[in-house]
Structure formats: structure tokens, C-alpha cells
Amino acid sequence: AKSQQSSEDMSVLGESLPCLKLEALRDGDRRSIFDGAGTHASRNVQYDQLTTMLRQEERDSYRCCDYLQNYPSGFDDDALSQGEKSINEACRTSIAEWMYRVVDHFRVDREVVAIALSYIDRVLSANHCADRRTFKLISSASLHLAMKVHFPNKWKDIGKLIPDLSQGDFAIGDLVGMEMEIVKSLTWLLNPATARCISVHMLSLLEMEIPASVLNKVASAAIFFVELSVCDYSFVTMKKSAISIASLLNATERDIDVHLRIKKALNEIGCRIDWYEISFARERLWALHKQTCLASSRRSSTSFSMPDIPKTEDFPSPRSSHHFPGM
């Protein structure tokens, strides 16, 4: 019966896939993570850091709920103004893709997008968002905050441009005001353990056993699976460790040796694993990956020039005031 239920779940999963436009970074654009200099001492440090991250995700402060179930759906959106429309999965997917376009344009580590989405999901798990205009402001402020905390050298160049990237819907003062509301809601917990970070730490435990070239290839593939999960609302309530494990197993599906070593390392860590959840995540990630690669192959790839500065055309909205309801 459980097997039949699993098949039904997978079928439903496939029908609800978001249409993503995200592309994997070229090898030259993603820096190598492993250099083959792993030691027993560094392995112990990575192990301690990994166990700390796994403990962190058990804390209620870092967990997210299915917050979109609290918003109305099924009515005629066209009859409402942007200020009245409630948010949905498509809103979150669009803003995640927009963030990736922004950070890719300015050559910032894509990790900042996962951090910003963590802020958004945790804030909305505890607060009601009044409308799409407010969601747009929360999202822009979250990216602004994540840049400031984790990439301060880039923030000075990009942070001041975010109001312009939003097509002038709000000023820098609005952004800073919402940023303070976000910080209060998150109780200053601004360093979430992301699925990418967990994946890299898991692979680092194998640095003395597997050539750096192999680990970097696996890391690159796994990280793209993780980046796809960031855009998909279906993964909001899932533990980042589960997403990480699913991404690593997908990335090593054709390399049995590394695949088995990863499973062995998971046993050594003592990570609590729900293999049904992992299977669910792996199927979803593969479906997203195949769909994204197919969409990418249909787009023209002849231009290698820097793209125009991304816009948030997916979220046309009235200019914001200094009052942000729902927070």
C-alpha cells in the first residue's frame, strides 16, 4: 500500500512542477571547492561543523511551515489589483529566479539566494503578508540583508541598486524599514545552514578518499540540484539536510563508488534519515532538472555578453508607501 501511495505522490509531484528558467553555472563561473589538501584535522573540523548544522535545523526557529495554505486561492485573480492579490507558489518561484538573475549578473555567490529565501520563508511562516506588493518588498529586503551580512564587499555595490532593480516601486528607506522588521521577526538568526553548505561539508568528509577533481564534479552537480530546490515551494518544509542528501545521491547516481561512500558517511554522522522523504525529494529534483535542461536547450545560447540588469517584471505593483501592512 505504501508503494502504491508513493507512486501516486510522484505522479502528483510531476503535475505541479514549476516552469523554471534557471541554468547551471558554467565550469569557469563556479569556483572549485576542493583542492586535495584534506587532512585528518580538517576532516574533524568539517565533521564538527556539519553536526552543528544538523542540530541547528532541529530548532523551531529555523523551521518553516506550509504558509501558503493560509492564503486564498481559486478565485479570479484578474479581477483584483496587484495590491489586493494574495501570494502563491508562482510568486515565490518568480522572485527566486529574479534573485538568481541579479546575483549572476553581479557575479555574487548564488548561496546568497538560498539565505535570502530562508529569511523569506521563516518570516512568512510567522507573519501574514498582506499582498504581492508587500511580498516584493520583503523579498528585496531579504536579499539586501543577506548580501549585507554574508557578502559585505559586494553589498556596497549592489545594495544601493536594489530599489532601481525593483523598477522604482520603493525607495531605500522603505527597504531599510522592512529589513528591520525582518530582523526582529527572525530574532537575529541570520546564519541558516543551507542545503548547499551541508552538501559541501558532507563531501569534505571524503576528501582524503576521493580525488579532488571527482569531488568538485560531484559538488557542482549537487549544488545545481540544490539551487533548483530553492526555487520550488515544495521543499520549503523539508529539512535542508534531506535536500542535501537527495542532491548528493542524484549527483552520484552514475558513480557507484562515491554513491556508496556518501551513504557510509551518513551512517558515521548518525544523521536521522527518512528514506521515503529522500526518495520523494530525489524524484522531484530529477523532474525539475530534466524540465530545466529541456527548457534551456530551447533557448538561444549564442550570446555570451553580460545580460541586461534584471527587472522584477513578474511583480508589477503600485509604488509602496511607508506603511507595510501585515508585518
C-alpha atoms as a PDB file:
ATOM      1  CA  ALA A   1       0.000   0.000   0.000  1.00  0.00           C
ATOM      2  CA  LYS A   2       2.865   2.343   0.837  1.00  0.00           C
ATOM      3  CA  SER A   3       4.461   1.645  -2.550  1.00  0.00           C
ATOM      4  CA  GLN A   4       1.196   2.468  -4.307  1.00  0.00           C
ATOM      5  CA  GLN A   5       0.875   5.683  -2.292  1.00  0.00           C
ATOM      6  CA  SER A   6       4.442   6.601  -3.241  1.00  0.00           C
ATOM      7  CA  SER A   7       3.670   6.179  -6.941  1.00  0.00           C
ATOM      8  CA  GLU A   8       0.582   8.356  -6.598  1.00  0.00           C
ATOM      9  CA  ASP A   9       2.594  11.035  -4.799  1.00  0.00           C
ATOM     10  CA  MET A  10       5.221  11.043  -7.548  1.00  0.00           C
ATOM     11  CA  SER A  11       2.511  11.434 -10.199  1.00  0.00           C
ATOM     12  CA  VAL A  12       1.017  14.418  -8.411  1.00  0.00           C
ATOM     13  CA  LEU A  13       4.524  15.816  -7.974  1.00  0.00           C
ATOM     14  CA  GLY A  14       5.192  15.773 -11.674  1.00  0.00           C
ATOM     15  CA  GLU A  15       1.954  17.552 -12.497  1.00  0.00           C
ATOM     16  CA  SER A  16       2.725  20.504 -10.211  1.00  0.00           C
ATOM     17  CA  LEU A  17       6.281  21.263 -11.328  1.00  0.00           C
ATOM     18  CA  PRO A  18       7.080  24.980 -11.625  1.00  0.00           C
ATOM     19  CA  CYS A  19       8.442  26.057 -15.007  1.00  0.00           C
ATOM     20  CA  LEU A  20      11.973  27.145 -14.076  1.00  0.00           C
ATOM     21  CA  LYS A  21      14.348  29.173 -16.241  1.00  0.00           C
ATOM     22  CA  LEU A  22      17.393  28.606 -14.050  1.00  0.00           C
ATOM     23  CA  GLU A  23      20.565  27.376 -15.720  1.00  0.00           C
ATOM     24  CA  ALA A  24      23.614  25.748 -14.177  1.00  0.00           C
ATOM     25  CA  LEU A  25      26.723  27.899 -13.994  1.00  0.00           C
ATOM     26  CA  ARG A  26      29.469  27.097 -16.459  1.00  0.00           C
ATOM     27  CA  ASP A  27      32.563  25.409 -15.018  1.00  0.00           C
ATOM     28  CA  GLY A  28      34.538  28.621 -15.373  1.00  0.00           C
ATOM     29  CA  ASP A  29      31.950  30.605 -13.408  1.00  0.00           C
ATOM     30  CA  ARG A  30      31.812  28.261 -10.401  1.00  0.00           C
ATOM     31  CA  ARG A  31      34.972  28.145  -8.317  1.00  0.00           C
ATOM     32  CA  SER A  32      36.483  24.811  -7.303  1.00  0.00           C
ATOM     33  CA  ILE A  33      35.748  23.833  -3.714  1.00  0.00           C
ATOM     34  CA  PHE A  34      38.208  21.013  -3.114  1.00  0.00           C
ATOM     35  CA  ASP A  35      41.962  21.177  -3.693  1.00  0.00           C
ATOM     36  CA  GLY A  36      43.014  17.729  -2.443  1.00  0.00           C
ATOM     37  CA  ALA A  37      44.650  19.135   0.695  1.00  0.00           C
ATOM     38  CA  GLY A  38      42.335  17.387   3.148  1.00  0.00           C
ATOM     39  CA  THR A  39      43.811  16.147   6.440  1.00  0.00           C
ATOM     40  CA  HIS A  40      42.535  14.307   9.500  1.00  0.00           C
ATOM     41  CA  ALA A  41      42.486  17.614  11.380  1.00  0.00           C
ATOM     42  CA  SER A  42      40.469  19.406   8.701  1.00  0.00           C
ATOM     43  CA  ARG A  43      38.115  16.417   8.478  1.00  0.00           C
ATOM     44  CA  ASN A  44      37.429  16.659  12.200  1.00  0.00           C
ATOM     45  CA  VAL A  45      36.671  20.361  11.873  1.00  0.00           C
ATOM     46  CA  GLN A  46      34.274  19.717   8.965  1.00  0.00           C
ATOM     47  CA  TYR A  47      32.608  16.937  10.949  1.00  0.00           C
ATOM     48  CA  ASP A  48      32.047  19.214  13.948  1.00  0.00           C
ATOM     49  CA  GLN A  49      30.662  21.970  11.744  1.00  0.00           C
ATOM     50  CA  LEU A  50      28.367  19.537   9.969  1.00  0.00           C
ATOM     51  CA  THR A  51      26.923  18.132  13.193  1.00  0.00           C
ATOM     52  CA  THR A  52      26.344  21.698  14.390  1.00  0.00           C
ATOM     53  CA  MET A  53      24.372  22.481  11.221  1.00  0.00           C
ATOM     54  CA  LEU A  54      22.306  19.324  11.628  1.00  0.00           C
ATOM     55  CA  ARG A  55      21.471  20.317  15.199  1.00  0.00           C
ATOM     56  CA  GLN A  56      20.557  23.814  14.062  1.00  0.00           C
ATOM     57  CA  GLU A  57      17.875  22.621  11.650  1.00  0.00           C
ATOM     58  CA  GLU A  58      16.149  20.800  14.514  1.00  0.00           C
ATOM     59  CA  ARG A  59      15.440  24.134  16.210  1.00  0.00           C
ATOM     60  CA  ASP A  60      11.941  25.531  15.786  1.00  0.00           C
ATOM     61  CA  SER A  61      13.420  28.937  14.926  1.00  0.00           C
ATOM     62  CA  TYR A  62      14.797  27.573  11.659  1.00  0.00           C
ATOM     63  CA  ARG A  63      11.779  25.511  10.618  1.00  0.00           C
ATOM     64  CA  CYS A  64       9.187  26.636   8.099  1.00  0.00           C
ATOM     65  CA  CYS A  65       5.539  25.734   7.725  1.00  0.00           C
ATOM     66  CA  ASP A  66       3.344  25.459   4.641  1.00  0.00           C
ATOM     67  CA  TYR A  67       2.427  29.129   4.961  1.00  0.00           C
ATOM     68  CA  LEU A  68       0.737  29.440   1.562  1.00  0.00           C
ATOM     69  CA  GLN A  69      -2.156  27.317   2.779  1.00  0.00           C
ATOM     70  CA  ASN A  70      -3.207  30.397   4.764  1.00  0.00           C
ATOM     71  CA  TYR A  71      -3.760  32.434   1.598  1.00  0.00           C
ATOM     72  CA  PRO A  72      -6.928  32.307  -0.533  1.00  0.00           C
ATOM     73  CA  SER A  73      -6.815  30.650  -3.926  1.00  0.00           C
ATOM     74  CA  GLY A  74      -9.174  29.546  -6.623  1.00  0.00           C
ATOM     75  CA  PHE A  75     -10.741  32.925  -7.321  1.00  0.00           C
ATOM     76  CA  ASP A  76     -10.353  35.196 -10.334  1.00  0.00           C
ATOM     77  CA  ASP A  77      -7.034  36.986  -9.843  1.00  0.00           C
ATOM     78  CA  ASP A  78      -7.630  39.130 -12.919  1.00  0.00           C
ATOM     79  CA  ALA A  79     -10.459  40.893 -11.147  1.00  0.00           C
ATOM     80  CA  LEU A  80      -8.111  42.179  -8.440  1.00  0.00           C
ATOM     81  CA  SER A  81      -5.456  44.855  -8.399  1.00  0.00           C
ATOM     82  CA  GLN A  82      -1.843  43.963  -7.595  1.00  0.00           C
ATOM     83  CA  GLY A  83      -2.345  45.482  -4.162  1.00  0.00           C
ATOM     84  CA  GLU A  84      -5.191  43.057  -3.472  1.00  0.00           C
ATOM     85  CA  LYS A  85      -3.820  39.826  -4.918  1.00  0.00           C
ATOM     86  CA  SER A  86      -2.533  37.279  -2.439  1.00  0.00           C
ATOM     87  CA  ILE A  87       0.768  35.482  -2.908  1.00  0.00           C
ATOM     88  CA  ASN A  88       1.115  31.969  -4.306  1.00  0.00           C
ATOM     89  CA  GLU A  89       3.777  29.466  -5.346  1.00  0.00           C
ATOM     90  CA  ALA A  90       4.334  31.227  -8.661  1.00  0.00           C
ATOM     91  CA  CYS A  91       5.184  34.453  -6.810  1.00  0.00           C
ATOM     92  CA  ARG A  92       7.879  32.715  -4.791  1.00  0.00           C
ATOM     93  CA  THR A  93       9.314  30.923  -7.829  1.00  0.00           C
ATOM     94  CA  SER A  94       9.464  34.158  -9.820  1.00  0.00           C
ATOM     95  CA  ILE A  95      11.214  36.078  -7.056  1.00  0.00           C
ATOM     96  CA  ALA A  96      13.761  33.261  -6.581  1.00  0.00           C
ATOM     97  CA  GLU A  97      14.588  33.273 -10.288  1.00  0.00           C
ATOM     98  CA  TRP A  98      14.849  37.065 -10.225  1.00  0.00           C
ATOM     99  CA  MET A  99      17.332  36.848  -7.358  1.00  0.00           C
ATOM    100  CA  TYR A 100      19.455  34.349  -9.269  1.00  0.00           C
ATOM    101  CA  ARG A 101      19.490  36.681 -12.279  1.00  0.00           C
ATOM    102  CA  VAL A 102      20.606  39.579 -10.093  1.00  0.00           C
ATOM    103  CA  VAL A 103      23.434  37.723  -8.345  1.00  0.00           C
ATOM    104  CA  ASP A 104      24.604  36.109 -11.589  1.00  0.00           C
ATOM    105  CA  HIS A 105      24.731  39.488 -13.265  1.00  0.00           C
ATOM    106  CA  PHE A 106      26.884  40.927 -10.491  1.00  0.00           C
ATOM    107  CA  ARG A 107      28.910  37.707 -10.098  1.00  0.00           C
ATOM    108  CA  VAL A 108      27.904  37.094  -6.484  1.00  0.00           C
ATOM    109  CA  ASP A 109      27.883  33.593  -4.992  1.00  0.00           C
ATOM    110  CA  ARG A 110      24.474  32.016  -5.573  1.00  0.00           C
ATOM    111  CA  GLU A 111      24.450  30.877  -1.943  1.00  0.00           C
ATOM    112  CA  VAL A 112      23.083  34.298  -1.013  1.00  0.00           C
ATOM    113  CA  VAL A 113      19.791  33.446  -2.763  1.00  0.00           C
ATOM    114  CA  ALA A 114      19.260  30.383  -0.552  1.00  0.00           C
ATOM    115  CA  ILE A 115      19.945  32.531   2.512  1.00  0.00           C
ATOM    116  CA  ALA A 116      17.522  35.234   1.375  1.00  0.00           C
ATOM    117  CA  LEU A 117      14.791  32.654   0.679  1.00  0.00           C
ATOM    118  CA  SER A 118      15.381  31.205   4.142  1.00  0.00           C
ATOM    119  CA  TYR A 119      14.650  34.654   5.569  1.00  0.00           C
ATOM    120  CA  ILE A 120      11.503  34.991   3.447  1.00  0.00           C
ATOM    121  CA  ASP A 121      10.126  31.538   4.285  1.00  0.00           C
ATOM    122  CA  ARG A 122      10.764  31.880   8.008  1.00  0.00           C
ATOM    123  CA  VAL A 123       9.262  35.379   8.134  1.00  0.00           C
ATOM    124  CA  LEU A 124       6.129  34.302   6.278  1.00  0.00           C
ATOM    125  CA  SER A 125       5.834  31.188   8.457  1.00  0.00           C
ATOM    126  CA  ALA A 126       5.284  33.552  11.386  1.00  0.00           C
ATOM    127  CA  ASN A 127       3.666  36.605   9.750  1.00  0.00           C
ATOM    128  CA  HIS A 128       0.891  37.297   7.279  1.00  0.00           C
ATOM    129  CA  CYS A 129       1.845  39.028   4.041  1.00  0.00           C
ATOM    130  CA  ALA A 130      -0.858  41.489   3.020  1.00  0.00           C
ATOM    131  CA  ASP A 131      -0.367  41.383  -0.750  1.00  0.00           C
ATOM    132  CA  ARG A 132       2.112  40.916  -3.579  1.00  0.00           C
ATOM    133  CA  ARG A 133       3.478  44.425  -3.241  1.00  0.00           C
ATOM    134  CA  THR A 134       4.436  43.659   0.347  1.00  0.00           C
ATOM    135  CA  PHE A 135       5.891  40.306  -0.688  1.00  0.00           C
ATOM    136  CA  LYS A 136       8.032  42.048  -3.278  1.00  0.00           C
ATOM    137  CA  LEU A 137       9.350  44.411  -0.605  1.00  0.00           C
ATOM    138  CA  ILE A 138      10.004  41.555   1.856  1.00  0.00           C
ATOM    139  CA  SER A 139      11.902  39.691  -0.857  1.00  0.00           C
ATOM    140  CA  SER A 140      14.034  42.654  -1.895  1.00  0.00           C
ATOM    141  CA  ALA A 141      14.794  43.485   1.733  1.00  0.00           C
ATOM    142  CA  SER A 142      15.745  39.853   2.404  1.00  0.00           C
ATOM    143  CA  LEU A 143      18.226  39.855  -0.480  1.00  0.00           C
ATOM    144  CA  HIS A 144      19.568  43.213   0.697  1.00  0.00           C
ATOM    145  CA  LEU A 145      20.019  41.843   4.231  1.00  0.00           C
ATOM    146  CA  ALA A 146      21.605  38.569   3.105  1.00  0.00           C
ATOM    147  CA  MET A 147      24.079  40.498   0.973  1.00  0.00           C
ATOM    148  CA  LYS A 148      24.916  42.832   3.840  1.00  0.00           C
ATOM    149  CA  VAL A 149      25.525  40.012   6.340  1.00  0.00           C
ATOM    150  CA  HIS A 150      27.251  37.411   4.157  1.00  0.00           C
ATOM    151  CA  PHE A 151      28.812  39.345   1.262  1.00  0.00           C
ATOM    152  CA  PRO A 152      29.510  42.850   2.619  1.00  0.00           C
ATOM    153  CA  ASN A 153      32.172  43.541  -0.022  1.00  0.00           C
ATOM    154  CA  LYS A 154      29.540  43.105  -2.743  1.00  0.00           C
ATOM    155  CA  TRP A 155      26.700  44.696  -0.812  1.00  0.00           C
ATOM    156  CA  LYS A 156      28.101  48.227  -1.160  1.00  0.00           C
ATOM    157  CA  ASP A 157      27.919  47.935  -4.946  1.00  0.00           C
ATOM    158  CA  ILE A 158      24.601  46.116  -5.247  1.00  0.00           C
ATOM    159  CA  GLY A 159      22.570  47.090  -2.184  1.00  0.00           C
ATOM    160  CA  LYS A 160      22.030  50.663  -3.320  1.00  0.00           C
ATOM    161  CA  LEU A 161      20.819  49.411  -6.718  1.00  0.00           C
ATOM    162  CA  ILE A 162      18.065  47.098  -5.432  1.00  0.00           C
ATOM    163  CA  PRO A 163      15.411  49.868  -5.344  1.00  0.00           C
ATOM    164  CA  ASP A 164      16.252  50.591  -9.014  1.00  0.00           C
ATOM    165  CA  LEU A 165      16.066  46.878  -9.872  1.00  0.00           C
ATOM    166  CA  SER A 166      12.546  46.884  -8.438  1.00  0.00           C
ATOM    167  CA  GLN A 167      11.567  49.444 -11.103  1.00  0.00           C
ATOM    168  CA  GLY A 168      11.230  52.180  -8.516  1.00  0.00           C
ATOM    169  CA  ASP A 169       8.393  50.563  -6.569  1.00  0.00           C
ATOM    170  CA  PHE A 170      10.043  51.588  -3.298  1.00  0.00           C
ATOM    171  CA  ALA A 171      12.919  53.703  -2.033  1.00  0.00           C
ATOM    172  CA  ILE A 172      15.953  52.741   0.022  1.00  0.00           C
ATOM    173  CA  GLY A 173      14.174  53.985   3.159  1.00  0.00           C
ATOM    174  CA  ASP A 174      11.345  51.510   2.581  1.00  0.00           C
ATOM    175  CA  LEU A 175      13.912  48.747   2.129  1.00  0.00           C
ATOM    176  CA  VAL A 176      15.719  49.558   5.373  1.00  0.00           C
ATOM    177  CA  GLY A 177      12.449  49.793   7.290  1.00  0.00           C
ATOM    178  CA  MET A 178      11.333  46.357   6.117  1.00  0.00           C
ATOM    179  CA  GLU A 179      14.807  44.981   6.794  1.00  0.00           C
ATOM    180  CA  MET A 180      14.444  45.903  10.458  1.00  0.00           C
ATOM    181  CA  GLU A 181      11.067  44.177  10.617  1.00  0.00           C
ATOM    182  CA  ILE A 182      12.627  41.034   9.134  1.00  0.00           C
ATOM    183  CA  VAL A 183      15.491  41.068  11.627  1.00  0.00           C
ATOM    184  CA  LYS A 184      13.043  41.338  14.518  1.00  0.00           C
ATOM    185  CA  SER A 185      10.884  38.519  13.162  1.00  0.00           C
ATOM    186  CA  LEU A 186      13.938  36.263  12.754  1.00  0.00           C
ATOM    187  CA  THR A 187      15.207  37.264  16.224  1.00  0.00           C
ATOM    188  CA  TRP A 188      18.587  37.968  14.613  1.00  0.00           C
ATOM    189  CA  LEU A 189      19.058  34.349  13.469  1.00  0.00           C
ATOM    190  CA  LEU A 190      20.662  35.347  10.177  1.00  0.00           C
ATOM    191  CA  ASN A 191      23.035  32.437   9.539  1.00  0.00           C
ATOM    192  CA  PRO A 192      20.910  29.484   8.414  1.00  0.00           C
ATOM    193  CA  ALA A 193      22.510  26.201   7.435  1.00  0.00           C
ATOM    194  CA  THR A 194      21.720  25.876   3.738  1.00  0.00           C
ATOM    195  CA  ALA A 195      21.445  22.637   1.783  1.00  0.00           C
ATOM    196  CA  ARG A 196      24.444  23.679  -0.278  1.00  0.00           C
ATOM    197  CA  CYS A 197      26.605  24.225   2.801  1.00  0.00           C
ATOM    198  CA  ILE A 198      25.587  20.842   4.226  1.00  0.00           C
ATOM    199  CA  SER A 199      26.335  19.164   0.882  1.00  0.00           C
ATOM    200  CA  VAL A 200      29.845  20.612   0.709  1.00  0.00           C
ATOM    201  CA  HIS A 201      30.595  19.612   4.299  1.00  0.00           C
ATOM    202  CA  MET A 202      29.384  16.082   3.641  1.00  0.00           C
ATOM    203  CA  LEU A 203      31.661  15.807   0.615  1.00  0.00           C
ATOM    204  CA  SER A 204      34.578  17.233   2.588  1.00  0.00           C
ATOM    205  CA  LEU A 205      34.461  14.143   4.800  1.00  0.00           C
ATOM    206  CA  LEU A 206      35.518  12.165   1.713  1.00  0.00           C
ATOM    207  CA  GLU A 207      38.355  14.481   0.684  1.00  0.00           C
ATOM    208  CA  MET A 208      41.051  12.033   1.832  1.00  0.00           C
ATOM    209  CA  GLU A 209      39.437   9.131  -0.041  1.00  0.00           C
ATOM    210  CA  ILE A 210      38.367  10.619  -3.383  1.00  0.00           C
ATOM    211  CA  PRO A 211      40.348  12.777  -5.851  1.00  0.00           C
ATOM    212  CA  ALA A 212      39.586  16.499  -5.699  1.00  0.00           C
ATOM    213  CA  SER A 213      38.624  16.525  -9.387  1.00  0.00           C
ATOM    214  CA  VAL A 214      35.900  13.949  -8.736  1.00  0.00           C
ATOM    215  CA  LEU A 215      34.627  15.747  -5.635  1.00  0.00           C
ATOM    216  CA  ASN A 216      34.432  19.076  -7.484  1.00  0.00           C
ATOM    217  CA  LYS A 217      32.456  17.451 -10.290  1.00  0.00           C
ATOM    218  CA  VAL A 218      30.040  15.889  -7.795  1.00  0.00           C
ATOM    219  CA  ALA A 219      29.777  19.160  -5.852  1.00  0.00           C
ATOM    220  CA  SER A 220      28.929  21.125  -8.997  1.00  0.00           C
ATOM    221  CA  ALA A 221      26.144  18.710  -9.965  1.00  0.00           C
ATOM    222  CA  ALA A 222      24.764  18.505  -6.405  1.00  0.00           C
ATOM    223  CA  ILE A 223      24.787  22.279  -5.973  1.00  0.00           C
ATOM    224  CA  PHE A 224      22.672  22.739  -9.096  1.00  0.00           C
ATOM    225  CA  PHE A 225      20.097  20.300  -7.717  1.00  0.00           C
ATOM    226  CA  VAL A 226      20.111  22.364  -4.512  1.00  0.00           C
ATOM    227  CA  GLU A 227      19.655  25.602  -6.469  1.00  0.00           C
ATOM    228  CA  LEU A 228      16.628  24.111  -8.214  1.00  0.00           C
ATOM    229  CA  SER A 229      15.132  23.195  -4.836  1.00  0.00           C
ATOM    230  CA  VAL A 230      15.477  26.807  -3.678  1.00  0.00           C
ATOM    231  CA  CYS A 231      13.069  27.882  -6.442  1.00  0.00           C
ATOM    232  CA  ASP A 232      10.484  25.202  -5.655  1.00  0.00           C
ATOM    233  CA  TYR A 233       7.985  25.826  -2.852  1.00  0.00           C
ATOM    234  CA  SER A 234       7.549  22.064  -2.384  1.00  0.00           C
ATOM    235  CA  PHE A 235      10.863  21.996  -0.496  1.00  0.00           C
ATOM    236  CA  VAL A 236      10.050  24.793   1.971  1.00  0.00           C
ATOM    237  CA  THR A 237       9.015  22.478   4.805  1.00  0.00           C
ATOM    238  CA  MET A 238      11.715  19.889   4.125  1.00  0.00           C
ATOM    239  CA  LYS A 239      14.895  19.793   6.184  1.00  0.00           C
ATOM    240  CA  LYS A 240      17.911  21.168   4.372  1.00  0.00           C
ATOM    241  CA  SER A 241      19.841  18.001   5.215  1.00  0.00           C
ATOM    242  CA  ALA A 242      17.235  15.912   3.362  1.00  0.00           C
ATOM    243  CA  ILE A 243      17.538  18.171   0.294  1.00  0.00           C
ATOM    244  CA  SER A 244      21.313  17.927   0.553  1.00  0.00           C
ATOM    245  CA  ILE A 245      21.321  14.119   0.743  1.00  0.00           C
ATOM    246  CA  ALA A 246      18.882  13.832  -2.174  1.00  0.00           C
ATOM    247  CA  SER A 247      21.039  16.200  -4.245  1.00  0.00           C
ATOM    248  CA  LEU A 248      24.239  14.287  -3.484  1.00  0.00           C
ATOM    249  CA  LEU A 249      22.687  10.917  -4.277  1.00  0.00           C
ATOM    250  CA  ASN A 250      21.329  12.257  -7.561  1.00  0.00           C
ATOM    251  CA  ALA A 251      24.704  13.755  -8.433  1.00  0.00           C
ATOM    252  CA  THR A 252      26.487  10.429  -7.823  1.00  0.00           C
ATOM    253  CA  GLU A 253      23.887   8.150  -9.367  1.00  0.00           C
ATOM    254  CA  ARG A 254      26.327   7.046 -12.086  1.00  0.00           C
ATOM    255  CA  ASP A 255      29.337   6.801  -9.764  1.00  0.00           C
ATOM    256  CA  ILE A 256      28.613   3.823  -7.539  1.00  0.00           C
ATOM    257  CA  ASP A 257      31.832   4.154  -5.534  1.00  0.00           C
ATOM    258  CA  VAL A 258      31.181   7.762  -4.455  1.00  0.00           C
ATOM    259  CA  HIS A 259      27.468   6.986  -4.051  1.00  0.00           C
ATOM    260  CA  LEU A 260      28.195   4.204  -1.547  1.00  0.00           C
ATOM    261  CA  ARG A 261      30.843   6.243   0.260  1.00  0.00           C
ATOM    262  CA  ILE A 262      28.331   9.029   0.808  1.00  0.00           C
ATOM    263  CA  LYS A 263      25.835   6.589   2.300  1.00  0.00           C
ATOM    264  CA  LYS A 264      28.582   5.211   4.544  1.00  0.00           C
ATOM    265  CA  ALA A 265      29.488   8.725   5.686  1.00  0.00           C
ATOM    266  CA  LEU A 266      25.830   9.400   6.524  1.00  0.00           C
ATOM    267  CA  ASN A 267      25.824   6.378   8.819  1.00  0.00           C
ATOM    268  CA  GLU A 268      29.007   7.598  10.517  1.00  0.00           C
ATOM    269  CA  ILE A 269      27.496  11.026  11.112  1.00  0.00           C
ATOM    270  CA  GLY A 270      24.448   9.462  12.703  1.00  0.00           C
ATOM    271  CA  CYS A 271      22.133  11.628  10.610  1.00  0.00           C
ATOM    272  CA  ARG A 272      18.469  10.756  11.104  1.00  0.00           C
ATOM    273  CA  ILE A 273      17.209   9.944   7.621  1.00  0.00           C
ATOM    274  CA  ASP A 274      13.683   9.469   6.352  1.00  0.00           C
ATOM    275  CA  TRP A 275      14.416   7.478   3.187  1.00  0.00           C
ATOM    276  CA  TYR A 276      10.847   7.865   1.953  1.00  0.00           C
ATOM    277  CA  GLU A 277      11.303  11.648   2.115  1.00  0.00           C
ATOM    278  CA  ILE A 278      14.695  11.350   0.395  1.00  0.00           C
ATOM    279  CA  SER A 279      13.157   9.268  -2.400  1.00  0.00           C
ATOM    280  CA  PHE A 280      10.387  11.834  -2.785  1.00  0.00           C
ATOM    281  CA  ALA A 281      12.962  14.657  -2.984  1.00  0.00           C
ATOM    282  CA  ARG A 282      15.176  12.801  -5.462  1.00  0.00           C
ATOM    283  CA  GLU A 283      12.297  12.207  -7.866  1.00  0.00           C
ATOM    284  CA  ARG A 284      11.198  15.823  -7.624  1.00  0.00           C
ATOM    285  CA  LEU A 285      14.719  17.143  -8.190  1.00  0.00           C
ATOM    286  CA  TRP A 286      15.276  14.891 -11.205  1.00  0.00           C
ATOM    287  CA  ALA A 287      11.992  16.060 -12.714  1.00  0.00           C
ATOM    288  CA  LEU A 288      12.960  19.715 -12.174  1.00  0.00           C
ATOM    289  CA  HIS A 289      16.419  19.059 -13.611  1.00  0.00           C
ATOM    290  CA  LYS A 290      15.105  17.399 -16.771  1.00  0.00           C
ATOM    291  CA  GLN A 291      12.484  20.080 -17.305  1.00  0.00           C
ATOM    292  CA  THR A 292      15.022  22.876 -16.795  1.00  0.00           C
ATOM    293  CA  CYS A 293      17.586  21.311 -19.144  1.00  0.00           C
ATOM    294  CA  LEU A 294      14.904  20.869 -21.815  1.00  0.00           C
ATOM    295  CA  ALA A 295      13.802  24.488 -21.486  1.00  0.00           C
ATOM    296  CA  SER A 296      17.431  25.638 -21.599  1.00  0.00           C
ATOM    297  CA  SER A 297      18.101  23.728 -24.829  1.00  0.00           C
ATOM    298  CA  ARG A 298      15.210  25.554 -26.484  1.00  0.00           C
ATOM    299  CA  ARG A 299      16.599  28.988 -25.608  1.00  0.00           C
ATOM    300  CA  SER A 300      19.235  30.684 -27.703  1.00  0.00           C
ATOM    301  CA  SER A 301      22.727  30.375 -26.214  1.00  0.00           C
ATOM    302  CA  THR A 302      24.692  32.265 -28.865  1.00  0.00           C
ATOM    303  CA  SER A 303      25.225  35.437 -26.829  1.00  0.00           C
ATOM    304  CA  PHE A 304      27.955  35.405 -24.229  1.00  0.00           C
ATOM    305  CA  SER A 305      27.714  39.093 -23.313  1.00  0.00           C
ATOM    306  CA  MET A 306      26.615  40.234 -19.878  1.00  0.00           C
ATOM    307  CA  PRO A 307      22.804  40.315 -19.748  1.00  0.00           C
ATOM    308  CA  ASP A 308      20.857  43.469 -19.028  1.00  0.00           C
ATOM    309  CA  ILE A 309      20.253  44.292 -15.398  1.00  0.00           C
ATOM    310  CA  PRO A 310      17.328  42.040 -14.379  1.00  0.00           C
ATOM    311  CA  LYS A 311      13.954  43.584 -13.682  1.00  0.00           C
ATOM    312  CA  THR A 312      11.120  42.367 -11.480  1.00  0.00           C
ATOM    313  CA  GLU A 313       8.597  42.482 -14.297  1.00  0.00           C
ATOM    314  CA  ASP A 314       6.913  39.437 -12.798  1.00  0.00           C
ATOM    315  CA  PHE A 315       5.666  41.649  -9.971  1.00  0.00           C
ATOM    316  CA  PRO A 316       4.180  44.850 -11.389  1.00  0.00           C
ATOM    317  CA  SER A 317       2.815  46.766  -8.442  1.00  0.00           C
ATOM    318  CA  PRO A 318       1.964  50.281  -7.251  1.00  0.00           C
ATOM    319  CA  ARG A 319       4.646  52.314  -5.571  1.00  0.00           C
ATOM    320  CA  SER A 320       4.961  51.402  -1.926  1.00  0.00           C
ATOM    321  CA  SER A 321       4.167  53.777   0.893  1.00  0.00           C
ATOM    322  CA  HIS A 322       5.925  53.939   4.245  1.00  0.00           C
ATOM    323  CA  HIS A 323       3.292  51.674   5.775  1.00  0.00           C
ATOM    324  CA  PHE A 324       3.664  47.952   5.207  1.00  0.00           C
ATOM    325  CA  PRO A 325       0.591  46.058   6.432  1.00  0.00           C
ATOM    326  CA  GLY A 326       0.808  42.504   7.605  1.00  0.00           C
ATOM    327  CA  MET A 327       4.210  42.600   9.292  1.00  0.00           C
END
